[in-house]
Amino acid sequence: MTLQERAETAANYKKTGVCNCCQAVTKVFADTLDISENQLMQISAGFAAGMGCMEGTCGALVGACMVAGLKSQGMGSPKLSREILEKFREKSGATICKELKGAGTGKVLCQCDDCVRNAVNSLGEVMGL
């Protein structure tokens, strides 16, 4: 599966309610990881609506960093996460869920399905996938 296909599949998982944002990102990389899809879904379940119910980091971004950690076996994960975060911010306009959704401002910067696409693409760009 190409990176673009993974991004579209992840966006569809989110759009159809199969997964939360974090789960959608991790699920599309399950075939490339040494962990079961079920375990990925469980690990990423708590990151719906951003950490802390829109108060924290976008769940899709968290999922991308989880996958980077698994793919790199934890080697250089902080650096990879920083690079993913920067690319995601460039694409989405922010990294905090409530800012992305316009909570308090009414100005939506990025819809969830696009955040999921951006997270998958940012991960892929940083890791050369």
C-alpha atoms as a PDB file:
ATOM      1  CA  MET A   1       0.000   0.000   0.000  1.00  0.00           C
ATOM      2  CA  THR A   2       1.368   3.433  -0.908  1.00  0.00           C
ATOM      3  CA  LEU A   3       1.592   6.241   1.614  1.00  0.00           C
ATOM      4  CA  GLN A   4      -1.261   8.051  -0.140  1.00  0.00           C
ATOM      5  CA  GLU A   5      -3.421   4.913   0.028  1.00  0.00           C
ATOM      6  CA  ARG A   6      -2.632   4.586   3.735  1.00  0.00           C
ATOM      7  CA  ALA A   7      -3.581   8.239   4.285  1.00  0.00           C
ATOM      8  CA  GLU A   8      -6.910   7.830   2.471  1.00  0.00           C
ATOM      9  CA  THR A   9      -7.688   4.548   4.247  1.00  0.00           C
ATOM     10  CA  ALA A  10      -6.948   6.144   7.622  1.00  0.00           C
ATOM     11  CA  ALA A  11      -9.159   9.146   6.796  1.00  0.00           C
ATOM     12  CA  ASN A  12     -11.949   6.750   5.831  1.00  0.00           C
ATOM     13  CA  TYR A  13     -11.578   4.816   9.113  1.00  0.00           C
ATOM     14  CA  LYS A  14     -12.068   8.087  10.982  1.00  0.00           C
ATOM     15  CA  LYS A  15     -14.835   9.436   8.761  1.00  0.00           C
ATOM     16  CA  THR A  16     -16.904   6.244   9.037  1.00  0.00           C
ATOM     17  CA  GLY A  17     -16.423   5.956  12.808  1.00  0.00           C
ATOM     18  CA  VAL A  18     -14.433   2.725  12.668  1.00  0.00           C
ATOM     19  CA  CYS A  19     -11.602   4.405  14.594  1.00  0.00           C
ATOM     20  CA  ASN A  20     -10.755   7.535  16.505  1.00  0.00           C
ATOM     21  CA  CYS A  21      -8.027   9.738  14.960  1.00  0.00           C
ATOM     22  CA  CYS A  22      -5.158   8.041  16.775  1.00  0.00           C
ATOM     23  CA  GLN A  23      -6.451   4.548  16.016  1.00  0.00           C
ATOM     24  CA  ALA A  24      -6.921   5.381  12.332  1.00  0.00           C
ATOM     25  CA  VAL A  25      -3.262   6.346  11.977  1.00  0.00           C
ATOM     26  CA  THR A  26      -1.899   3.352  13.871  1.00  0.00           C
ATOM     27  CA  LYS A  27      -4.257   0.860  12.191  1.00  0.00           C
ATOM     28  CA  VAL A  28      -3.080   1.633   8.660  1.00  0.00           C
ATOM     29  CA  PHE A  29       0.487   0.750   9.624  1.00  0.00           C
ATOM     30  CA  ALA A  30      -0.406  -2.482  11.464  1.00  0.00           C
ATOM     31  CA  ASP A  31       0.870  -4.587   8.568  1.00  0.00           C
ATOM     32  CA  THR A  32       4.329  -3.008   8.963  1.00  0.00           C
ATOM     33  CA  LEU A  33       4.702  -3.433  12.716  1.00  0.00           C
ATOM     34  CA  ASP A  34       5.533  -6.276  15.101  1.00  0.00           C
ATOM     35  CA  ILE A  35       2.380  -5.745  17.151  1.00  0.00           C
ATOM     36  CA  SER A  36      -1.134  -6.927  16.473  1.00  0.00           C
ATOM     37  CA  GLU A  37      -3.777  -4.626  15.061  1.00  0.00           C
ATOM     38  CA  ASN A  38      -5.904  -5.374  18.120  1.00  0.00           C
ATOM     39  CA  GLN A  39      -3.118  -4.251  20.458  1.00  0.00           C
ATOM     40  CA  LEU A  40      -2.604  -1.073  18.402  1.00  0.00           C
ATOM     41  CA  MET A  41      -6.320  -0.312  18.647  1.00  0.00           C
ATOM     42  CA  GLN A  42      -6.224  -0.801  22.425  1.00  0.00           C
ATOM     43  CA  ILE A  43      -3.085   1.283  22.956  1.00  0.00           C
ATOM     44  CA  SER A  44      -4.408   4.162  20.876  1.00  0.00           C
ATOM     45  CA  ALA A  45      -8.008   4.074  22.180  1.00  0.00           C
ATOM     46  CA  GLY A  46      -7.458   6.731  24.852  1.00  0.00           C
ATOM     47  CA  PHE A  47      -6.404   9.430  22.399  1.00  0.00           C
ATOM     48  CA  ALA A  48      -9.790  10.240  20.895  1.00  0.00           C
ATOM     49  CA  ALA A  49     -10.604  13.959  20.703  1.00  0.00           C
ATOM     50  CA  GLY A  50      -6.998  14.800  21.448  1.00  0.00           C
ATOM     51  CA  MET A  51      -5.462  14.079  24.814  1.00  0.00           C
ATOM     52  CA  GLY A  52      -7.740  15.316  27.586  1.00  0.00           C
ATOM     53  CA  CYS A  53     -10.871  15.778  25.447  1.00  0.00           C
ATOM     54  CA  MET A  54      -9.516  18.381  23.010  1.00  0.00           C
ATOM     55  CA  GLU A  55      -7.209  20.002  25.556  1.00  0.00           C
ATOM     56  CA  GLY A  56      -4.025  18.348  24.330  1.00  0.00           C
ATOM     57  CA  THR A  57      -2.162  17.075  21.334  1.00  0.00           C
ATOM     58  CA  CYS A  58      -4.143  15.895  18.314  1.00  0.00           C
ATOM     59  CA  GLY A  59      -4.719  12.146  18.498  1.00  0.00           C
ATOM     60  CA  ALA A  60      -3.682  11.642  14.873  1.00  0.00           C
ATOM     61  CA  LEU A  61      -0.323  13.239  15.646  1.00  0.00           C
ATOM     62  CA  VAL A  62       0.055  11.032  18.725  1.00  0.00           C
ATOM     63  CA  GLY A  63      -0.658   7.973  16.562  1.00  0.00           C
ATOM     64  CA  ALA A  64       2.012   8.980  14.051  1.00  0.00           C
ATOM     65  CA  CYS A  65       4.562   9.320  16.850  1.00  0.00           C
ATOM     66  CA  MET A  66       3.524   5.934  18.265  1.00  0.00           C
ATOM     67  CA  VAL A  67       4.146   4.304  14.905  1.00  0.00           C
ATOM     68  CA  ALA A  68       7.500   6.088  14.568  1.00  0.00           C
ATOM     69  CA  GLY A  69       8.541   4.730  17.963  1.00  0.00           C
ATOM     70  CA  LEU A  70       7.543   1.207  17.015  1.00  0.00           C
ATOM     71  CA  LYS A  71       9.161   1.347  13.575  1.00  0.00           C
ATOM     72  CA  SER A  72      12.413   2.768  14.974  1.00  0.00           C
ATOM     73  CA  GLN A  73      12.364   0.426  17.995  1.00  0.00           C
ATOM     74  CA  GLY A  74      12.543   3.552  20.122  1.00  0.00           C
ATOM     75  CA  MET A  75      15.867   4.649  18.660  1.00  0.00           C
ATOM     76  CA  GLY A  76      15.752   8.383  17.997  1.00  0.00           C
ATOM     77  CA  SER A  77      12.045   8.588  18.718  1.00  0.00           C
ATOM     78  CA  PRO A  78      12.153  12.066  20.318  1.00  0.00           C
ATOM     79  CA  LYS A  79      13.891  13.491  17.227  1.00  0.00           C
ATOM     80  CA  LEU A  80      11.498  11.696  14.889  1.00  0.00           C
ATOM     81  CA  SER A  81       8.521  12.905  16.904  1.00  0.00           C
ATOM     82  CA  ARG A  82       9.749  16.498  16.720  1.00  0.00           C
ATOM     83  CA  GLU A  83      10.138  16.265  12.953  1.00  0.00           C
ATOM     84  CA  ILE A  84       6.687  14.696  12.575  1.00  0.00           C
ATOM     85  CA  LEU A  85       5.193  17.401  14.809  1.00  0.00           C
ATOM     86  CA  GLU A  86       6.780  20.174  12.731  1.00  0.00           C
ATOM     87  CA  LYS A  87       5.554  18.720   9.436  1.00  0.00           C
ATOM     88  CA  PHE A  88       2.089  18.157  10.898  1.00  0.00           C
ATOM     89  CA  ARG A  89       1.934  21.763  12.133  1.00  0.00           C
ATOM     90  CA  GLU A  90       2.933  23.038   8.675  1.00  0.00           C
ATOM     91  CA  LYS A  91       0.163  20.995   7.059  1.00  0.00           C
ATOM     92  CA  SER A  92      -2.573  21.480   9.678  1.00  0.00           C
ATOM     93  CA  GLY A  93      -1.920  24.884  11.241  1.00  0.00           C
ATOM     94  CA  ALA A  94      -1.622  23.649  14.848  1.00  0.00           C
ATOM     95  CA  THR A  95      -0.974  20.530  16.933  1.00  0.00           C
ATOM     96  CA  ILE A  96      -3.522  20.976  19.746  1.00  0.00           C
ATOM     97  CA  CYS A  97      -6.945  19.456  19.103  1.00  0.00           C
ATOM     98  CA  LYS A  98      -9.049  22.374  20.334  1.00  0.00           C
ATOM     99  CA  GLU A  99      -7.057  24.815  18.189  1.00  0.00           C
ATOM    100  CA  LEU A 100      -7.436  22.568  15.146  1.00  0.00           C
ATOM    101  CA  LYS A 101     -11.192  22.332  15.739  1.00  0.00           C
ATOM    102  CA  GLY A 102     -11.651  26.037  16.460  1.00  0.00           C
ATOM    103  CA  ALA A 103     -12.999  25.523  19.981  1.00  0.00           C
ATOM    104  CA  GLY A 104     -13.353  28.983  21.444  1.00  0.00           C
ATOM    105  CA  THR A 105     -12.485  30.782  18.210  1.00  0.00           C
ATOM    106  CA  GLY A 106     -14.998  29.312  15.779  1.00  0.00           C
ATOM    107  CA  LYS A 107     -12.226  29.054  13.171  1.00  0.00           C
ATOM    108  CA  VAL A 108     -11.593  25.435  12.204  1.00  0.00           C
ATOM    109  CA  LEU A 109      -7.998  25.032  11.048  1.00  0.00           C
ATOM    110  CA  CYS A 110      -8.191  21.376  10.037  1.00  0.00           C
ATOM    111  CA  GLN A 111     -10.979  18.784  10.045  1.00  0.00           C
ATOM    112  CA  CYS A 112     -10.305  15.400  11.656  1.00  0.00           C
ATOM    113  CA  ASP A 113     -10.076  13.430   8.416  1.00  0.00           C
ATOM    114  CA  ASP A 114      -7.508  15.916   7.122  1.00  0.00           C
ATOM    115  CA  CYS A 115      -5.584  15.755  10.415  1.00  0.00           C
ATOM    116  CA  VAL A 116      -5.434  11.983   9.983  1.00  0.00           C
ATOM    117  CA  ARG A 117      -4.187  12.343   6.393  1.00  0.00           C
ATOM    118  CA  ASN A 118      -1.629  14.936   7.495  1.00  0.00           C
ATOM    119  CA  ALA A 119      -0.370  12.718  10.321  1.00  0.00           C
ATOM    120  CA  VAL A 120       0.091   9.717   8.022  1.00  0.00           C
ATOM    121  CA  ASN A 121       1.836  11.862   5.404  1.00  0.00           C
ATOM    122  CA  SER A 122       4.048  13.588   7.975  1.00  0.00           C
ATOM    123  CA  LEU A 123       5.121  10.222   9.385  1.00  0.00           C
ATOM    124  CA  GLY A 124       5.810   8.933   5.911  1.00  0.00           C
ATOM    125  CA  GLU A 125       7.850  11.971   4.924  1.00  0.00           C
ATOM    126  CA  VAL A 126       9.992  11.873   8.052  1.00  0.00           C
ATOM    127  CA  MET A 127      10.601   8.135   7.952  1.00  0.00           C
ATOM    128  CA  GLY A 128      10.864   7.769   4.183  1.00  0.00           C
ATOM    129  CA  LEU A 129       7.883   5.448   3.899  1.00  0.00           C
END
